[in-house]
Amino acid sequence: MKSRIVFGCISAAMLFVAGISASAAPIPGDKDGKQGDDEVKVRIWLNKGDHKVLDGYLRSALVNRPKEVEFSLTPKGERIRYINEDVDSLLLDGSDKYVKRLVKMYGVLGGAAKVEWVREEYSGKGIDLYSLFTVESERTGRNITVVSPIRSWYLSIAGDMAIMVGTDTRDSIFDRSEPPMSASMLNMYFGEIYDYPEFAAGIKYGDFSTFMDVIHAWEETYGNTARRIDNKLKSEQIGVQSGIAASDASKNVDWKRTKSEIVFPRYTRTLQIGVSPVIADWSRVMKHATDDAAMDSFKMTVPPVMIYSDICFLDFGRFGSIGWTIGGEYSRYSYNWMLDNGYGDKQLDTYCNRLDLAAGLSYHLTLCRRLEFYASGMIDAGLIGEHTTEHDSGEEASSTFNKMDTKMTFIATAGLRWYFCNTAGIWVEGGHDTGYVSAGLSFK
């Protein structure tokens, strides 16, 4: 069975950037006159503040129903986050205008109406056309998932709630080609939600060849005349579009606003590499060490070296963000111990290679620009491989002393991360891990 879900996280951002690179215009003054893939000019109109109009660059994706807009004055400058309630509209690359509109999929399974960022496609005499860009995944069998960028099309008459009248697949959010002709959905829209039975019949019987033919014909015949069927639209869904921005501006949403750039916003991916100077006591698996002398013979030959990756999937603004964490560590140590083989004590040397594989969740809280506090909790599988030799001869000992052990533990750490540039930083953390404390480099 095929199922579609809104595909967030990385795929959305990557496809968004792919669409930008296909159509964005060059920025004067850049080397070779070329514009980077993630450099999209934008003009933002704000609902409040001393500066109501800002010109700069869009730094976040306008796909999959974003909750905020990130902006910078220069292509690589500091990101400034504006929540949806504070933004009136946007203009991308001087041609694509995005506004907030109340939209809904018609029908029992359509769900509740929601305010979304949509692109203005056409504004006519009493009728407006909008589009909403999402990225969706579809299971096609044999564990194959196909990712598709989907554009949904919405019509609004007399400023009423916009209702979906078609969908298609687009490779770029800058694609301006005409919507596909969906006779059944247009017939439903004009004949079941609005009272234009003759017009709906014409759509059904093929009087119009293209989507825009339908729009222009409605304008010529019924422009600025809204005939609504009773009880199909609620009172709060009629003539609502023009007041959405003002309604948002009046909301008390101070808790959503942030004072500085978020270090770990949604869709961020980080790569963290580092080392711990010592192996913690609780990580020293020495099953043959039965006395203090054997325990004291512990010797670390390779300190815990680690690599971890974080992917942010929940962003609460000033209250922090949550991400998936996955990674591993490697360390090596040895110890010696005495074995009574019936002829006297014999010293054996055991060398241990430890590989830890861990996965869990992390929490990140921005303290100021480029500095964050973070904490993580992970389930860890420690794989300890033993190799034991006789101390005097160097020969390999009995296979009884050369085995692979597994130790399941829980890792809990907390630390600080500071980025000295946009993509690289340093970190230090401590807690219940293979080592007591560790430090290293971080990239995002």
Protein backbone atom coordinates (compact mmCIF):
# COMPACT_ATOMS: atom_id res chain seq x y z
CA MET A 1 0.00 0.00 0.00
CA LYS A 2 1.31 3.40 -0.92
CA SER A 3 1.52 5.99 1.80
CA ARG A 4 2.58 9.61 1.73
CA ILE A 5 3.99 11.58 4.58
CA VAL A 6 5.44 15.03 4.77
CA PHE A 7 9.16 14.47 4.54
CA GLY A 8 10.91 17.01 6.79
CA CYS A 9 14.44 17.36 7.94
CA ILE A 10 17.32 17.06 5.49
CA SER A 11 15.56 16.10 2.26
CA ALA A 12 13.41 19.21 2.31
CA ALA A 13 16.33 21.54 2.76
CA MET A 14 18.44 19.78 0.12
CA LEU A 15 15.69 19.87 -2.49
CA PHE A 16 14.96 23.47 -1.64
CA VAL A 17 18.58 24.40 -2.28
CA ALA A 18 18.52 22.42 -5.51
CA GLY A 19 15.56 24.47 -6.68
CA ILE A 20 17.29 27.71 -5.77
CA SER A 21 20.43 26.88 -7.71
CA ALA A 22 18.41 26.26 -10.84
CA SER A 23 16.88 29.73 -11.05
CA ALA A 24 18.57 32.27 -8.76
CA ALA A 25 20.03 35.37 -10.42
CA PRO A 26 23.70 36.45 -9.98
CA ILE A 27 24.61 38.91 -7.24
CA PRO A 28 26.54 41.92 -8.51
CA GLY A 29 30.01 42.14 -7.06
CA ASP A 30 30.52 38.42 -6.36
CA LYS A 31 33.55 36.72 -7.84
CA ASP A 32 32.96 35.68 -11.44
CA GLY A 33 29.47 37.21 -11.16
CA LYS A 34 28.10 33.92 -9.83
CA GLN A 35 25.62 33.45 -7.03
CA GLY A 36 26.09 30.65 -4.52
CA ASP A 37 23.57 27.84 -4.28
CA ASP A 38 22.27 29.08 -0.93
CA GLU A 39 22.27 32.81 -1.76
CA VAL A 40 18.68 33.87 -2.40
CA LYS A 41 17.82 37.55 -2.33
CA VAL A 42 14.73 38.38 -0.31
CA ARG A 43 12.74 41.42 0.77
CA ILE A 44 10.83 40.95 4.03
CA TRP A 45 7.86 43.02 5.20
CA LEU A 46 7.48 42.92 8.99
CA ASN A 47 4.38 43.52 11.09
CA LYS A 48 6.20 45.49 13.78
CA GLY A 49 9.46 47.20 14.68
CA ASP A 50 11.26 50.34 13.52
CA HIS A 51 12.31 48.80 10.21
CA LYS A 52 9.27 47.35 8.46
CA VAL A 53 11.07 46.44 5.21
CA LEU A 54 14.37 44.52 5.12
CA ASP A 55 16.52 43.55 2.15
CA GLY A 56 18.97 40.67 2.43
CA TYR A 57 19.22 36.93 1.92
CA LEU A 58 16.93 34.05 2.81
CA ARG A 59 18.69 31.49 5.03
CA SER A 60 15.90 28.98 5.68
CA ALA A 61 13.69 26.77 3.53
CA LEU A 62 10.16 27.82 2.52
CA VAL A 63 9.03 24.21 2.24
CA ASN A 64 7.17 21.81 4.52
CA ARG A 65 5.30 24.49 6.44
CA PRO A 66 8.12 26.43 8.17
CA LYS A 67 7.44 27.99 11.57
CA GLU A 68 9.95 30.80 11.16
CA VAL A 69 11.97 32.68 8.54
CA GLU A 70 15.74 33.06 8.84
CA PHE A 71 17.36 36.06 7.19
CA SER A 72 20.79 37.70 6.96
CA LEU A 73 21.93 41.05 5.61
CA THR A 74 24.81 39.42 3.71
CA PRO A 75 25.04 35.97 2.08
CA LYS A 76 27.14 34.51 4.93
CA GLY A 77 26.26 36.96 7.69
CA GLU A 78 24.61 36.42 11.06
CA ARG A 79 21.24 34.73 10.81
CA ILE A 80 18.28 36.64 12.21
CA ARG A 81 15.20 34.56 12.97
CA TYR A 82 11.73 36.01 12.53
CA ILE A 83 8.77 33.98 13.70
CA ASN A 84 5.80 33.70 11.35
CA GLU A 85 3.65 36.01 13.47
CA ASP A 86 6.11 38.89 12.95
CA VAL A 87 6.34 38.59 9.16
CA ASP A 88 3.73 40.01 6.78
CA SER A 89 5.10 38.77 3.45
CA LEU A 90 8.27 38.01 1.48
CA LEU A 91 9.53 38.63 -2.03
CA LEU A 92 12.11 36.13 -3.33
CA ASP A 93 14.50 37.13 -6.11
CA GLY A 94 12.29 40.10 -6.96
CA SER A 95 9.48 38.01 -8.47
CA ASP A 96 8.07 35.33 -6.14
CA LYS A 97 5.80 36.78 -3.45
CA TYR A 98 4.99 34.63 -0.42
CA VAL A 99 2.07 35.43 1.88
CA LYS A 100 0.27 33.75 4.77
CA ARG A 101 -3.11 32.33 3.86
CA LEU A 102 -5.70 30.06 5.45
CA VAL A 103 -5.73 26.87 3.36
CA LYS A 104 -7.44 23.49 3.51
CA MET A 105 -7.82 20.26 1.61
CA TYR A 106 -11.52 19.69 0.97
CA GLY A 107 -13.29 16.60 2.25
CA VAL A 108 -13.67 14.52 5.41
CA LEU A 109 -10.00 13.51 5.39
CA GLY A 110 -8.78 17.00 4.57
CA GLY A 111 -8.00 17.90 8.17
CA ALA A 112 -8.33 21.29 9.82
CA ALA A 113 -7.70 24.56 8.00
CA LYS A 114 -4.22 25.98 8.68
CA VAL A 115 -2.38 29.22 8.02
CA GLU A 116 0.52 28.43 5.68
CA TRP A 117 3.19 30.25 3.69
CA VAL A 118 2.02 30.12 0.06
CA ARG A 119 3.20 31.73 -3.14
CA GLU A 120 0.90 34.14 -4.95
CA GLU A 121 0.44 32.71 -8.42
CA TYR A 122 -2.40 34.88 -9.73
CA SER A 123 -4.54 37.69 -8.33
CA GLY A 124 -7.65 38.43 -10.37
CA LYS A 125 -11.13 39.92 -10.12
CA GLY A 126 -12.34 38.30 -6.92
CA ILE A 127 -10.35 35.10 -7.37
CA ASP A 128 -6.79 34.28 -6.27
CA LEU A 129 -4.52 31.32 -6.97
CA TYR A 130 -1.84 30.16 -4.50
CA SER A 131 0.64 27.29 -4.36
CA LEU A 132 2.22 25.42 -1.44
CA PHE A 133 5.51 23.54 -1.84
CA THR A 134 6.22 20.37 0.16
CA VAL A 135 8.57 17.40 -0.12
CA GLU A 136 6.95 13.99 0.25
CA SER A 137 8.13 10.39 0.33
CA GLU A 138 6.34 7.41 -1.17
CA ARG A 139 6.96 3.72 -0.43
CA THR A 140 6.93 1.78 -3.69
CA GLY A 141 7.70 -1.71 -2.39
CA ARG A 142 10.87 -3.73 -1.81
CA ASN A 143 11.96 -1.15 0.78
CA ILE A 144 12.31 1.53 -1.92
CA THR A 145 11.30 5.07 -1.00
CA VAL A 146 10.90 7.73 -3.71
CA VAL A 147 11.19 11.38 -2.65
CA SER A 148 9.19 13.91 -4.68
CA PRO A 149 8.79 17.70 -4.47
CA ILE A 150 5.04 18.37 -4.55
CA ARG A 151 3.27 21.65 -5.30
CA SER A 152 -0.35 21.92 -4.17
CA TRP A 153 -2.65 24.49 -5.78
CA TYR A 154 -5.31 26.48 -3.92
CA LEU A 155 -8.13 28.78 -5.05
CA SER A 156 -9.72 31.54 -3.00
CA ILE A 157 -12.86 33.48 -4.00
CA ALA A 158 -13.56 36.88 -2.40
CA GLY A 159 -10.83 36.37 0.20
CA ASP A 160 -12.38 33.15 1.53
CA MET A 161 -10.34 30.24 2.83
CA ALA A 162 -8.24 28.79 0.00
CA ILE A 163 -9.15 25.21 -0.95
CA MET A 164 -6.89 22.76 -2.74
CA VAL A 165 -7.84 22.14 -6.38
CA GLY A 166 -4.86 20.15 -7.67
CA THR A 167 -1.31 18.89 -7.17
CA ASP A 168 1.70 18.15 -9.34
CA THR A 169 5.43 17.48 -9.08
CA ARG A 170 7.96 20.29 -9.51
CA ASP A 171 11.76 20.17 -9.46
CA SER A 172 12.15 23.74 -8.22
CA ILE A 173 10.19 26.16 -6.06
CA PHE A 174 10.95 28.79 -8.72
CA ASP A 175 9.03 26.86 -11.40
CA ARG A 176 6.35 29.21 -12.77
CA SER A 177 4.61 26.90 -15.24
CA GLU A 178 0.81 26.66 -15.24
CA PRO A 179 -1.03 24.28 -12.87
CA PRO A 180 -2.35 21.00 -14.30
CA MET A 181 -6.00 20.78 -15.30
CA SER A 182 -7.90 18.80 -12.65
CA ALA A 183 -11.48 18.82 -13.93
CA SER A 184 -12.92 16.77 -11.06
CA MET A 185 -11.49 18.99 -8.31
CA LEU A 186 -12.40 22.22 -10.11
CA ASN A 187 -15.91 20.90 -10.73
CA MET A 188 -16.25 20.14 -7.03
CA TYR A 189 -14.92 23.58 -6.06
CA PHE A 190 -17.26 25.61 -8.27
CA GLY A 191 -20.24 23.26 -7.97
CA GLU A 192 -20.22 21.92 -4.39
CA ILE A 193 -18.56 24.64 -2.31
CA TYR A 194 -19.68 27.61 -4.44
CA ASP A 195 -22.96 27.93 -6.30
CA TYR A 196 -21.97 28.03 -9.98
CA PRO A 197 -23.70 24.90 -11.36
CA GLU A 198 -23.61 25.90 -15.04
CA PHE A 199 -19.95 26.83 -14.82
CA ALA A 200 -19.10 23.57 -13.01
CA ALA A 201 -20.94 21.60 -15.71
CA GLY A 202 -18.83 23.30 -18.37
CA ILE A 203 -15.67 22.17 -16.59
CA LYS A 204 -17.01 18.62 -16.31
CA TYR A 205 -17.84 18.37 -20.03
CA GLY A 206 -14.52 19.78 -21.24
CA ASP A 207 -15.37 23.36 -22.21
CA PHE A 208 -11.96 24.52 -20.94
CA SER A 209 -8.62 23.12 -22.01
CA THR A 210 -6.31 24.62 -19.36
CA PHE A 211 -6.46 25.59 -15.71
CA MET A 212 -6.03 29.30 -16.43
CA ASP A 213 -8.82 29.13 -19.03
CA VAL A 214 -11.13 28.23 -16.14
CA ILE A 215 -9.90 31.15 -14.02
CA HIS A 216 -10.24 33.73 -16.81
CA ALA A 217 -13.69 32.45 -17.81
CA TRP A 218 -14.92 32.74 -14.21
CA GLU A 219 -13.58 36.31 -14.01
CA GLU A 220 -15.40 37.35 -17.18
CA THR A 221 -18.72 35.87 -16.07
CA TYR A 222 -18.78 36.13 -12.27
CA GLY A 223 -15.84 38.35 -11.30
CA ASN A 224 -16.18 39.89 -7.82
CA THR A 225 -19.40 37.91 -7.23
CA ALA A 226 -19.25 35.25 -4.53
CA ARG A 227 -22.07 32.69 -4.56
CA ARG A 228 -21.52 30.45 -1.56
CA ILE A 229 -23.48 27.29 -0.80
CA ASP A 230 -24.87 27.45 2.73
CA ASN A 231 -22.94 25.65 5.49
CA LYS A 232 -20.00 24.74 3.25
CA LEU A 233 -17.79 27.44 4.74
CA LYS A 234 -17.78 28.52 8.38
CA SER A 235 -18.14 32.19 9.23
CA GLU A 236 -14.47 32.40 10.29
CA GLN A 237 -13.45 31.05 6.87
CA ILE A 238 -15.24 33.72 4.82
CA GLY A 239 -13.32 36.84 3.75
CA VAL A 240 -10.54 35.93 6.17
CA GLN A 241 -7.40 36.24 4.04
CA SER A 242 -6.80 39.99 4.23
CA GLY A 243 -6.79 39.98 8.03
CA ILE A 244 -4.39 37.11 8.71
CA ALA A 245 -1.22 39.22 8.94
CA ALA A 246 -2.89 41.75 11.25
CA SER A 247 -4.27 38.95 13.41
CA ASP A 248 -0.81 37.42 13.72
CA ALA A 249 0.71 40.77 14.64
CA SER A 250 -1.67 41.13 17.59
CA LYS A 251 -0.80 37.76 19.15
CA ASN A 252 1.28 37.54 22.33
CA VAL A 253 4.13 35.34 21.15
CA ASP A 254 7.12 36.77 23.02
CA TRP A 255 8.11 33.26 24.11
CA LYS A 256 8.82 32.32 20.48
CA ARG A 257 11.24 35.15 19.78
CA THR A 258 15.00 34.76 20.11
CA LYS A 259 17.59 37.42 20.91
CA SER A 260 20.50 35.86 19.03
CA GLU A 261 21.21 33.42 16.26
CA ILE A 262 20.25 29.85 17.17
CA VAL A 263 23.32 27.62 17.17
CA PHE A 264 21.45 24.37 16.46
CA PRO A 265 18.27 25.22 14.48
CA ARG A 266 16.04 22.69 12.78
CA TYR A 267 17.64 20.66 9.95
CA THR A 268 21.16 21.43 11.25
CA ARG A 269 23.65 18.56 10.98
CA THR A 270 26.85 18.51 13.01
CA LEU A 271 29.89 16.25 12.93
CA GLN A 272 31.82 16.02 16.19
CA ILE A 273 35.27 14.44 16.54
CA GLY A 274 37.35 14.35 19.69
CA VAL A 275 39.38 12.47 22.25
CA SER A 276 39.28 11.73 25.97
CA PRO A 277 42.59 11.77 27.91
CA VAL A 278 41.75 8.76 30.10
CA ILE A 279 39.46 5.75 30.17
CA ALA A 280 36.99 5.95 33.04
CA ASP A 281 37.02 3.27 35.74
CA TRP A 282 33.53 2.08 34.78
CA SER A 283 34.68 1.51 31.17
CA ARG A 284 37.62 -0.72 32.09
CA VAL A 285 36.38 -4.25 31.48
CA MET A 286 39.07 -6.43 33.14
CA LYS A 287 37.35 -9.71 33.89
CA HIS A 288 40.59 -11.57 34.70
CA ALA A 289 41.82 -8.94 37.16
CA THR A 290 40.85 -10.44 40.52
CA ASP A 291 43.26 -8.60 42.80
CA ASP A 292 44.59 -5.10 43.36
CA ALA A 293 47.88 -5.85 41.64
CA ALA A 294 46.10 -6.77 38.41
CA MET A 295 43.85 -3.72 38.62
CA ASP A 296 46.86 -1.47 39.17
CA SER A 297 48.58 -2.90 36.07
CA PHE A 298 46.02 -1.21 33.79
CA LYS A 299 47.72 0.66 30.93
CA MET A 300 45.96 2.74 28.28
CA THR A 301 47.59 2.45 24.84
CA VAL A 302 44.97 4.30 22.73
CA PRO A 303 42.76 6.90 24.45
CA PRO A 304 39.05 6.99 23.57
CA VAL A 305 38.72 8.66 20.16
CA MET A 306 35.20 9.44 19.04
CA ILE A 307 33.04 10.64 16.19
CA TYR A 308 29.38 11.62 16.57
CA SER A 309 26.74 13.26 14.42
CA ASP A 310 23.70 15.30 15.49
CA ILE A 311 20.65 16.07 13.34
CA CYS A 312 18.13 18.56 14.70
CA PHE A 313 14.48 17.59 14.22
CA LEU A 314 12.70 19.76 16.83
CA ASP A 315 13.37 23.47 17.33
CA PHE A 316 11.79 25.38 20.24
CA GLY A 317 13.55 28.69 19.59
CA ARG A 318 14.83 30.27 22.78
CA PHE A 319 13.90 27.13 24.70
CA GLY A 320 16.38 25.00 22.79
CA SER A 321 16.24 22.20 20.25
CA ILE A 322 16.37 18.41 20.14
CA GLY A 323 18.29 16.20 17.75
CA TRP A 324 19.14 12.61 16.95
CA THR A 325 22.67 11.58 17.97
CA ILE A 326 24.59 8.62 16.61
CA GLY A 327 28.26 7.71 16.64
CA GLY A 328 31.03 5.59 18.06
CA GLU A 329 34.28 5.47 20.02
CA TYR A 330 37.44 3.36 19.94
CA SER A 331 39.99 2.74 22.70
CA ARG A 332 42.69 0.19 23.54
CA TYR A 333 44.20 -0.85 26.86
CA SER A 334 46.03 -3.74 28.53
CA TYR A 335 46.64 -5.31 31.93
CA ASN A 336 48.49 -8.32 33.34
CA TRP A 337 47.38 -10.93 35.82
CA MET A 338 48.55 -14.17 37.42
CA LEU A 339 47.21 -17.60 36.47
CA ASP A 340 47.72 -20.69 38.63
CA ASN A 341 47.97 -23.53 36.10
CA GLY A 342 48.73 -26.23 38.70
CA TYR A 343 52.50 -25.83 38.38
CA GLY A 344 52.71 -22.38 39.89
CA ASP A 345 51.70 -18.85 39.00
CA LYS A 346 52.21 -17.68 35.42
CA GLN A 347 51.85 -14.05 34.31
CA LEU A 348 49.52 -13.40 31.38
CA ASP A 349 49.10 -10.14 29.46
CA THR A 350 45.64 -9.24 28.13
CA TYR A 351 45.13 -6.59 25.44
CA CYS A 352 41.62 -5.18 24.94
CA ASN A 353 40.25 -3.39 21.88
CA ARG A 354 37.03 -1.59 22.76
CA LEU A 355 34.55 -0.32 20.15
CA ASP A 356 31.46 1.57 21.36
CA LEU A 357 28.43 2.18 19.14
CA ALA A 358 25.83 4.56 20.55
CA ALA A 359 22.58 6.27 19.54
CA GLY A 360 20.14 8.53 21.35
CA LEU A 361 18.89 12.11 21.74
CA SER A 362 20.56 15.44 22.40
CA TYR A 363 19.28 18.76 23.75
CA HIS A 364 20.84 22.08 22.70
CA LEU A 365 20.35 25.51 24.27
CA THR A 366 21.85 28.66 22.73
CA LEU A 367 23.59 30.81 25.37
CA CYS A 368 24.72 33.55 23.00
CA ARG A 369 25.76 33.80 19.40
CA ARG A 370 27.88 30.73 18.45
CA LEU A 371 27.93 29.38 22.03
CA GLU A 372 25.61 26.62 23.20
CA PHE A 373 25.08 24.25 26.09
CA TYR A 374 24.15 20.71 25.16
CA ALA A 375 23.36 17.42 26.86
CA SER A 376 22.92 13.97 25.38
CA GLY A 377 21.66 10.58 26.46
CA MET A 378 22.45 7.46 24.44
CA ILE A 379 22.23 3.69 24.61
CA ASP A 380 25.74 2.31 24.16
CA ALA A 381 26.88 -1.12 23.02
CA GLY A 382 30.51 -1.70 24.01
CA LEU A 383 32.27 -4.47 22.07
CA ILE A 384 35.44 -5.60 23.88
CA GLY A 385 37.77 -7.97 22.07
CA GLU A 386 40.44 -9.70 24.20
CA HIS A 387 43.83 -11.03 23.12
CA THR A 388 45.87 -12.76 25.84
CA THR A 389 49.51 -13.87 25.63
CA GLU A 390 52.00 -15.47 28.02
CA HIS A 391 54.27 -12.80 29.45
CA ASP A 392 57.52 -14.78 29.28
CA SER A 393 57.18 -16.52 25.92
CA GLY A 394 54.83 -14.14 24.11
CA GLU A 395 52.82 -17.09 22.87
CA GLU A 396 49.07 -16.83 22.55
CA ALA A 397 47.24 -18.17 25.57
CA SER A 398 44.33 -20.58 25.58
CA SER A 399 41.29 -19.57 23.53
CA THR A 400 39.43 -19.44 26.84
CA PHE A 401 41.10 -16.07 27.42
CA ASN A 402 40.53 -14.69 23.91
CA LYS A 403 36.88 -13.81 23.57
CA MET A 404 34.57 -11.00 22.48
CA ASP A 405 32.39 -9.48 25.20
CA THR A 406 29.49 -7.04 24.93
CA LYS A 407 28.64 -4.49 27.59
CA MET A 408 25.42 -2.46 27.33
CA THR A 409 25.45 0.87 29.16
CA PHE A 410 23.78 4.28 29.13
CA ILE A 411 25.83 7.35 28.19
CA ALA A 412 24.90 10.70 29.72
CA THR A 413 27.05 13.75 28.98
CA ALA A 414 26.80 17.54 29.03
CA GLY A 415 29.08 20.20 27.63
CA LEU A 416 29.67 23.48 25.83
CA ARG A 417 30.24 24.08 22.11
CA TRP A 418 31.59 27.31 20.64
CA TYR A 419 31.81 28.00 16.90
CA PHE A 420 34.70 30.28 15.93
CA CYS A 421 33.24 30.56 12.40
CA ASN A 422 29.95 29.64 10.72
CA THR A 423 30.86 25.99 10.17
CA ALA A 424 33.58 24.97 12.65
CA GLY A 425 33.99 25.10 16.41
CA ILE A 426 35.40 23.46 19.53
CA TRP A 427 33.64 21.55 22.29
CA VAL A 428 34.28 20.14 25.74
CA GLU A 429 32.03 17.77 27.69
CA GLY A 430 31.96 15.46 30.67
CA GLY A 431 29.77 12.81 32.21
CA HIS A 432 29.21 9.08 32.16
CA ASP A 433 31.01 8.05 28.97
CA THR A 434 34.00 5.91 28.01
CA GLY A 435 36.12 8.72 29.45
CA TYR A 436 35.49 11.22 32.23
CA VAL A 437 35.90 14.30 30.02
CA SER A 438 36.55 14.81 26.32
CA ALA A 439 37.11 17.63 23.85
CA GLY A 440 37.52 18.16 20.14
CA LEU A 441 36.29 19.86 16.98
CA SER A 442 32.76 20.26 15.66
CA PHE A 443 31.61 20.96 12.10
CA LYS A 444 28.16 21.88 10.76
